Amino acid sequence: IVLAVTLSVLLTAADVTPQQKYIDTYAAVA
């Protein structure tokens, strides 16, 4: 279960676009 969750998180992070990363980083500042 732990391995499956970890893999899921890694795959999700890999799928995040540069635009979404930017939004996640700076939305609170905006």
PDB file of all heavy atoms in Angstrom:
ATOM      1  N   ILE A   1       0.839  -1.207   0.000  1.00  0.00           N
ATOM      2  CA  ILE A   1       0.000   0.000   0.000  1.00  0.00           C
ATOM      3  C   ILE A   1       0.869   1.250   0.000  1.00  0.00           C
ATOM      4  O   ILE A   1       0.645   2.203  -0.758  1.00  0.00           O
ATOM      5  CB  ILE A   1      -0.958  -0.006   1.211  1.00  0.00           C
ATOM      6  CG1 ILE A   1      -2.010  -1.112   1.044  1.00  0.00           C
ATOM      7  CG2 ILE A   1      -1.640   1.355   1.371  1.00  0.00           C
ATOM      8  CD1 ILE A   1      -2.890  -1.310   2.268  1.00  0.00           C
ATOM      9  N   VAL A   2       1.898   1.234   0.863  1.00  0.00           N
ATOM     10  CA  VAL A   2       2.808   2.393   0.947  1.00  0.00           C
ATOM     11  C   VAL A   2       3.505   2.620  -0.394  1.00  0.00           C
ATOM     12  O   VAL A   2       3.615   3.760  -0.871  1.00  0.00           O
ATOM     13  CB  VAL A   2       3.843   2.186   2.072  1.00  0.00           C
ATOM     14  CG1 VAL A   2       4.925   3.266   2.001  1.00  0.00           C
ATOM     15  CG2 VAL A   2       3.161   2.213   3.423  1.00  0.00           C
ATOM     16  N   LEU A   3       3.975   1.523  -1.009  1.00  0.00           N
ATOM     17  CA  LEU A   3       4.650   1.643  -2.299  1.00  0.00           C
ATOM     18  C   LEU A   3       3.701   2.177  -3.373  1.00  0.00           C
ATOM     19  O   LEU A   3       4.082   3.012  -4.206  1.00  0.00           O
ATOM     20  CB  LEU A   3       5.214   0.283  -2.725  1.00  0.00           C
ATOM     21  CG  LEU A   3       6.440  -0.215  -1.950  1.00  0.00           C
ATOM     22  CD1 LEU A   3       6.780  -1.643  -2.370  1.00  0.00           C
ATOM     23  CD2 LEU A   3       7.632   0.704  -2.211  1.00  0.00           C
ATOM     24  N   ALA A   4       2.455   1.692  -3.356  1.00  0.00           N
ATOM     25  CA  ALA A   4       1.468   2.116  -4.350  1.00  0.00           C
ATOM     26  C   ALA A   4       1.157   3.607  -4.202  1.00  0.00           C
ATOM     27  O   ALA A   4       1.071   4.347  -5.186  1.00  0.00           O
ATOM     28  CB  ALA A   4       0.187   1.295  -4.204  1.00  0.00           C
ATOM     29  N   VAL A   5       0.984   4.062  -2.947  1.00  0.00           N
ATOM     30  CA  VAL A   5       0.690   5.471  -2.697  1.00  0.00           C
ATOM     31  C   VAL A   5       1.866   6.346  -3.110  1.00  0.00           C
ATOM     32  O   VAL A   5       1.706   7.383  -3.745  1.00  0.00           O
ATOM     33  CB  VAL A   5       0.344   5.695  -1.202  1.00  0.00           C
ATOM     34  CG1 VAL A   5       0.293   7.186  -0.880  1.00  0.00           C
ATOM     35  CG2 VAL A   5      -0.980   5.033  -0.861  1.00  0.00           C
ATOM     36  N   THR A   6       3.075   5.894  -2.772  1.00  0.00           N
ATOM     37  CA  THR A   6       4.282   6.649  -3.128  1.00  0.00           C
ATOM     38  C   THR A   6       4.410   6.772  -4.634  1.00  0.00           C
ATOM     39  O   THR A   6       4.700   7.858  -5.171  1.00  0.00           O
ATOM     40  CB  THR A   6       5.536   5.956  -2.558  1.00  0.00           C
ATOM     41  OG1 THR A   6       5.402   5.837  -1.147  1.00  0.00           O
ATOM     42  CG2 THR A   6       6.795   6.763  -2.894  1.00  0.00           C
ATOM     43  N   LEU A   7       4.180   5.664  -5.349  1.00  0.00           N
ATOM     44  CA  LEU A   7       4.262   5.674  -6.813  1.00  0.00           C
ATOM     45  C   LEU A   7       3.215   6.606  -7.397  1.00  0.00           C
ATOM     46  O   LEU A   7       3.482   7.360  -8.338  1.00  0.00           O
ATOM     47  CB  LEU A   7       4.079   4.253  -7.356  1.00  0.00           C
ATOM     48  CG  LEU A   7       4.166   4.098  -8.893  1.00  0.00           C
ATOM     49  CD1 LEU A   7       5.536   4.559  -9.390  1.00  0.00           C
ATOM     50  CD2 LEU A   7       3.900   2.652  -9.291  1.00  0.00           C
ATOM     51  N   SER A   8       2.007   6.584  -6.809  1.00  0.00           N
ATOM     52  CA  SER A   8       0.926   7.444  -7.281  1.00  0.00           C
ATOM     53  C   SER A   8       1.289   8.913  -7.135  1.00  0.00           C
ATOM     54  O   SER A   8       1.068   9.720  -8.033  1.00  0.00           O
ATOM     55  CB  SER A   8      -0.364   7.141  -6.510  1.00  0.00           C
ATOM     56  OG  SER A   8      -1.384   8.046  -6.878  1.00  0.00           O
ATOM     57  N   VAL A   9       1.859   9.246  -5.989  1.00  0.00           N
ATOM     58  CA  VAL A   9       2.260  10.634  -5.738  1.00  0.00           C
ATOM     59  C   VAL A   9       3.336  11.070  -6.721  1.00  0.00           C
ATOM     60  O   VAL A   9       3.301  12.177  -7.275  1.00  0.00           O
ATOM     61  CB  VAL A   9       2.757  10.810  -4.278  1.00  0.00           C
ATOM     62  CG1 VAL A   9       3.419  12.185  -4.087  1.00  0.00           C
ATOM     63  CG2 VAL A   9       1.605  10.638  -3.308  1.00  0.00           C
ATOM     64  N   LEU A  10       4.314  10.182  -6.960  1.00  0.00           N
ATOM     65  CA  LEU A  10       5.402  10.509  -7.874  1.00  0.00           C
ATOM     66  C   LEU A  10       4.895  10.711  -9.292  1.00  0.00           C
ATOM     67  O   LEU A  10       5.301  11.633  -9.997  1.00  0.00           O
ATOM     68  CB  LEU A  10       6.457   9.403  -7.849  1.00  0.00           C
ATOM     69  CG  LEU A  10       7.301   9.308  -6.573  1.00  0.00           C
ATOM     70  CD1 LEU A  10       8.184   8.060  -6.619  1.00  0.00           C
ATOM     71  CD2 LEU A  10       8.164  10.560  -6.409  1.00  0.00           C
ATOM     72  N   LEU A  11       3.969   9.837  -9.715  1.00  0.00           N
ATOM     73  CA  LEU A  11       3.402   9.969 -11.058  1.00  0.00           C
ATOM     74  C   LEU A  11       2.592  11.249 -11.191  1.00  0.00           C
ATOM     75  O   LEU A  11       2.638  11.938 -12.208  1.00  0.00           O
ATOM     76  CB  LEU A  11       2.526   8.746 -11.375  1.00  0.00           C
ATOM     77  CG  LEU A  11       3.281   7.435 -11.626  1.00  0.00           C
ATOM     78  CD1 LEU A  11       2.296   6.275 -11.756  1.00  0.00           C
ATOM     79  CD2 LEU A  11       4.157   7.549 -12.881  1.00  0.00           C
ATOM     80  N   THR A  12       1.836  11.583 -10.126  1.00  0.00           N
ATOM     81  CA  THR A  12       1.022  12.800 -10.155  1.00  0.00           C
ATOM     82  C   THR A  12       1.921  14.021 -10.253  1.00  0.00           C
ATOM     83  O   THR A  12       1.667  14.945 -11.025  1.00  0.00           O
ATOM     84  CB  THR A  12       0.154  12.904  -8.888  1.00  0.00           C
ATOM     85  OG1 THR A  12      -0.684  11.759  -8.830  1.00  0.00           O
ATOM     86  CG2 THR A  12      -0.697  14.168  -8.907  1.00  0.00           C
ATOM     87  N   ALA A  13       2.999  14.024  -9.445  1.00  0.00           N
ATOM     88  CA  ALA A  13       3.926  15.164  -9.468  1.00  0.00           C
ATOM     89  C   ALA A  13       4.563  15.305 -10.841  1.00  0.00           C
ATOM     90  O   ALA A  13       4.786  16.405 -11.332  1.00  0.00           O
ATOM     91  CB  ALA A  13       4.998  14.991  -8.398  1.00  0.00           C
ATOM     92  N   ALA A  14       4.872  14.142 -11.475  1.00  0.00           N
ATOM     93  CA  ALA A  14       5.506  14.176 -12.787  1.00  0.00           C
ATOM     94  C   ALA A  14       4.574  14.751 -13.835  1.00  0.00           C
ATOM     95  O   ALA A  14       5.010  15.325 -14.824  1.00  0.00           O
ATOM     96  CB  ALA A  14       5.953  12.770 -13.182  1.00  0.00           C
ATOM     97  N   ASP A  15       3.257  14.584 -13.639  1.00  0.00           N
ATOM     98  CA  ASP A  15       2.279  15.060 -14.606  1.00  0.00           C
ATOM     99  C   ASP A  15       1.949  16.540 -14.445  1.00  0.00           C
ATOM    100  O   ASP A  15       1.294  17.128 -15.304  1.00  0.00           O
ATOM    101  CB  ASP A  15       0.973  14.251 -14.476  1.00  0.00           C
ATOM    102  CG  ASP A  15       1.161  12.815 -14.965  1.00  0.00           C
ATOM    103  OD1 ASP A  15       2.116  12.592 -15.726  1.00  0.00           O
ATOM    104  OD2 ASP A  15       0.363  11.955 -14.567  1.00  0.00           O
ATOM    105  N   VAL A  16       2.380  17.173 -13.350  1.00  0.00           N
ATOM    106  CA  VAL A  16       2.071  18.583 -13.126  1.00  0.00           C
ATOM    107  C   VAL A  16       2.826  19.432 -14.133  1.00  0.00           C
ATOM    108  O   VAL A  16       4.036  19.303 -14.296  1.00  0.00           O
ATOM    109  CB  VAL A  16       2.447  19.006 -11.683  1.00  0.00           C
ATOM    110  CG1 VAL A  16       2.256  20.500 -11.492  1.00  0.00           C
ATOM    111  CG2 VAL A  16       1.611  18.240 -10.674  1.00  0.00           C
ATOM    112  N   THR A  17       2.104  20.305 -14.816  1.00  0.00           N
ATOM    113  CA  THR A  17       2.729  21.146 -15.836  1.00  0.00           C
ATOM    114  C   THR A  17       3.527  22.274 -15.193  1.00  0.00           C
ATOM    115  O   THR A  17       3.281  22.639 -14.027  1.00  0.00           O
ATOM    116  CB  THR A  17       1.649  21.762 -16.739  1.00  0.00           C
ATOM    117  OG1 THR A  17       0.831  22.640 -15.941  1.00  0.00           O
ATOM    118  CG2 THR A  17       0.776  20.690 -17.372  1.00  0.00           C
ATOM    119  N   PRO A  18       4.460  22.878 -15.928  1.00  0.00           N
ATOM    120  CA  PRO A  18       5.179  24.044 -15.393  1.00  0.00           C
ATOM    121  C   PRO A  18       4.231  25.173 -14.989  1.00  0.00           C
ATOM    122  O   PRO A  18       4.464  25.866 -13.997  1.00  0.00           O
ATOM    123  CB  PRO A  18       6.077  24.463 -16.560  1.00  0.00           C
ATOM    124  CG  PRO A  18       6.260  23.220 -17.362  1.00  0.00           C
ATOM    125  CD  PRO A  18       4.961  22.470 -17.242  1.00  0.00           C
ATOM    126  N   GLN A  19       3.141  25.326 -15.771  1.00  0.00           N
ATOM    127  CA  GLN A  19       2.161  26.369 -15.443  1.00  0.00           C
ATOM    128  C   GLN A  19       1.495  26.107 -14.096  1.00  0.00           C
ATOM    129  O   GLN A  19       1.344  27.022 -13.273  1.00  0.00           O
ATOM    130  CB  GLN A  19       1.084  26.460 -16.544  1.00  0.00           C
ATOM    131  CG  GLN A  19       1.591  26.974 -17.872  1.00  0.00           C
ATOM    132  CD  GLN A  19       2.169  25.881 -18.758  1.00  0.00           C
ATOM    133  OE1 GLN A  19       2.417  24.756 -18.304  1.00  0.00           O
ATOM    134  NE2 GLN A  19       2.395  26.209 -20.025  1.00  0.00           N
ATOM    135  N   GLN A  20       1.132  24.828 -13.852  1.00  0.00           N
ATOM    136  CA  GLN A  20       0.480  24.495 -12.585  1.00  0.00           C
ATOM    137  C   GLN A  20       1.447  24.635 -11.420  1.00  0.00           C
ATOM    138  O   GLN A  20       1.074  25.073 -10.329  1.00  0.00           O
ATOM    139  CB  GLN A  20      -0.093  23.076 -12.637  1.00  0.00           C
ATOM    140  CG  GLN A  20      -0.976  22.725 -11.440  1.00  0.00           C
ATOM    141  CD  GLN A  20      -2.172  23.650 -11.325  1.00  0.00           C
ATOM    142  OE1 GLN A  20      -2.946  23.823 -12.270  1.00  0.00           O
ATOM    143  NE2 GLN A  20      -2.340  24.284 -10.161  1.00  0.00           N
ATOM    144  N   LYS A  21       2.705  24.262 -11.637  1.00  0.00           N
ATOM    145  CA  LYS A  21       3.711  24.434 -10.588  1.00  0.00           C
ATOM    146  C   LYS A  21       3.844  25.912 -10.221  1.00  0.00           C
ATOM    147  O   LYS A  21       3.975  26.271  -9.047  1.00  0.00           O
ATOM    148  CB  LYS A  21       5.064  23.879 -11.046  1.00  0.00           C
ATOM    149  CG  LYS A  21       5.114  22.367 -11.134  1.00  0.00           C
ATOM    150  CD  LYS A  21       6.473  21.902 -11.642  1.00  0.00           C
ATOM    151  CE  LYS A  21       6.516  20.375 -11.771  1.00  0.00           C
ATOM    152  NZ  LYS A  21       7.805  19.903 -12.316  1.00  0.00           N
ATOM    153  N   TYR A  22       3.819  26.741 -11.241  1.00  0.00           N
ATOM    154  CA  TYR A  22       3.929  28.186 -11.020  1.00  0.00           C
ATOM    155  C   TYR A  22       2.740  28.679 -10.203  1.00  0.00           C
ATOM    156  O   TYR A  22       2.898  29.447  -9.240  1.00  0.00           O
ATOM    157  CB  TYR A  22       3.979  28.906 -12.368  1.00  0.00           C
ATOM    158  CG  TYR A  22       4.305  30.377 -12.270  1.00  0.00           C
ATOM    159  CD1 TYR A  22       5.623  30.812 -12.305  1.00  0.00           C
ATOM    160  CD2 TYR A  22       3.305  31.331 -12.158  1.00  0.00           C
ATOM    161  CE1 TYR A  22       5.938  32.161 -12.232  1.00  0.00           C
ATOM    162  CE2 TYR A  22       3.601  32.674 -12.069  1.00  0.00           C
ATOM    163  CZ  TYR A  22       4.922  33.091 -12.108  1.00  0.00           C
ATOM    164  OH  TYR A  22       5.219  34.435 -12.021  1.00  0.00           O
ATOM    165  N   ILE A  23       1.549  28.235 -10.566  1.00  0.00           N
ATOM    166  CA  ILE A  23       0.328  28.630  -9.855  1.00  0.00           C
ATOM    167  C   ILE A  23       0.388  28.184  -8.396  1.00  0.00           C
ATOM    168  O   ILE A  23       0.094  28.959  -7.478  1.00  0.00           O
ATOM    169  CB  ILE A  23      -0.914  28.044 -10.563  1.00  0.00           C
ATOM    170  CG1 ILE A  23      -1.073  28.656 -11.963  1.00  0.00           C
ATOM    171  CG2 ILE A  23      -2.179  28.286  -9.720  1.00  0.00           C
ATOM    172  CD1 ILE A  23      -1.964  27.859 -12.892  1.00  0.00           C
ATOM    173  N   ASP A  24       0.768  26.928  -8.179  1.00  0.00           N
ATOM    174  CA  ASP A  24       0.853  26.405  -6.814  1.00  0.00           C
ATOM    175  C   ASP A  24       1.853  27.191  -5.970  1.00  0.00           C
ATOM    176  O   ASP A  24       1.665  27.369  -4.766  1.00  0.00           O
ATOM    177  CB  ASP A  24       1.260  24.925  -6.849  1.00  0.00           C
ATOM    178  CG  ASP A  24       0.194  24.040  -7.479  1.00  0.00           C
ATOM    179  OD1 ASP A  24      -0.959  24.507  -7.616  1.00  0.00           O
ATOM    180  OD2 ASP A  24       0.503  22.889  -7.844  1.00  0.00           O
ATOM    181  N   THR A  25       2.929  27.644  -6.611  1.00  0.00           N
ATOM    182  CA  THR A  25       3.978  28.364  -5.885  1.00  0.00           C
ATOM    183  C   THR A  25       3.584  29.792  -5.552  1.00  0.00           C
ATOM    184  O   THR A  25       3.857  30.287  -4.451  1.00  0.00           O
ATOM    185  CB  THR A  25       5.278  28.380  -6.711  1.00  0.00           C
ATOM    186  OG1 THR A  25       5.673  27.039  -7.002  1.00  0.00           O
ATOM    187  CG2 THR A  25       6.408  29.073  -5.948  1.00  0.00           C
ATOM    188  N   TYR A  26       2.892  30.478  -6.480  1.00  0.00           N
ATOM    189  CA  TYR A  26       2.697  31.921  -6.339  1.00  0.00           C
ATOM    190  C   TYR A  26       1.252  32.381  -6.141  1.00  0.00           C
ATOM    191  O   TYR A  26       1.008  33.587  -6.003  1.00  0.00           O
ATOM    192  CB  TYR A  26       3.287  32.639  -7.558  1.00  0.00           C
ATOM    193  CG  TYR A  26       4.777  32.453  -7.678  1.00  0.00           C
ATOM    194  CD1 TYR A  26       5.317  31.697  -8.727  1.00  0.00           C
ATOM    195  CD2 TYR A  26       5.648  33.000  -6.744  1.00  0.00           C
ATOM    196  CE1 TYR A  26       6.681  31.506  -8.841  1.00  0.00           C
ATOM    197  CE2 TYR A  26       7.021  32.811  -6.845  1.00  0.00           C
ATOM    198  CZ  TYR A  26       7.531  32.066  -7.896  1.00  0.00           C
ATOM    199  OH  TYR A  26       8.884  31.879  -7.995  1.00  0.00           O
ATOM    200  N   ALA A  27       0.285  31.455  -6.112  1.00  0.00           N
ATOM    201  CA  ALA A  27      -1.120  31.867  -5.971  1.00  0.00           C
ATOM    202  C   ALA A  27      -1.358  32.670  -4.695  1.00  0.00           C
ATOM    203  O   ALA A  27      -2.058  33.686  -4.708  1.00  0.00           O
ATOM    204  CB  ALA A  27      -2.030  30.642  -6.003  1.00  0.00           C
ATOM    205  N   ALA A  28      -0.774  32.227  -3.584  1.00  0.00           N
ATOM    206  CA  ALA A  28      -0.990  32.932  -2.314  1.00  0.00           C
ATOM    207  C   ALA A  28      -0.415  34.348  -2.358  1.00  0.00           C
ATOM    208  O   ALA A  28      -0.995  35.287  -1.805  1.00  0.00           O
ATOM    209  CB  ALA A  28      -0.360  32.147  -1.161  1.00  0.00           C
ATOM    210  N   VAL A  29       0.715  34.505  -3.033  1.00  0.00           N
ATOM    211  CA  VAL A  29       1.320  35.831  -3.173  1.00  0.00           C
ATOM    212  C   VAL A  29       0.424  36.728  -4.037  1.00  0.00           C
ATOM    213  O   VAL A  29       0.212  37.902  -3.733  1.00  0.00           O
ATOM    214  CB  VAL A  29       2.726  35.727  -3.796  1.00  0.00           C
ATOM    215  CG1 VAL A  29       3.340  37.113  -3.980  1.00  0.00           C
ATOM    216  CG2 VAL A  29       3.631  34.865  -2.929  1.00  0.00           C
ATOM    217  N   ALA A  30      -0.127  36.170  -5.116  1.00  0.00           N
ATOM    218  CA  ALA A  30      -1.004  36.935  -6.000  1.00  0.00           C
ATOM    219  C   ALA A  30      -2.269  37.382  -5.283  1.00  0.00           C
ATOM    220  O   ALA A  30      -2.749  38.505  -5.476  1.00  0.00           O
ATOM    221  CB  ALA A  30      -1.356  36.104  -7.234  1.00  0.00           C
TER     222      ALA A  30
END
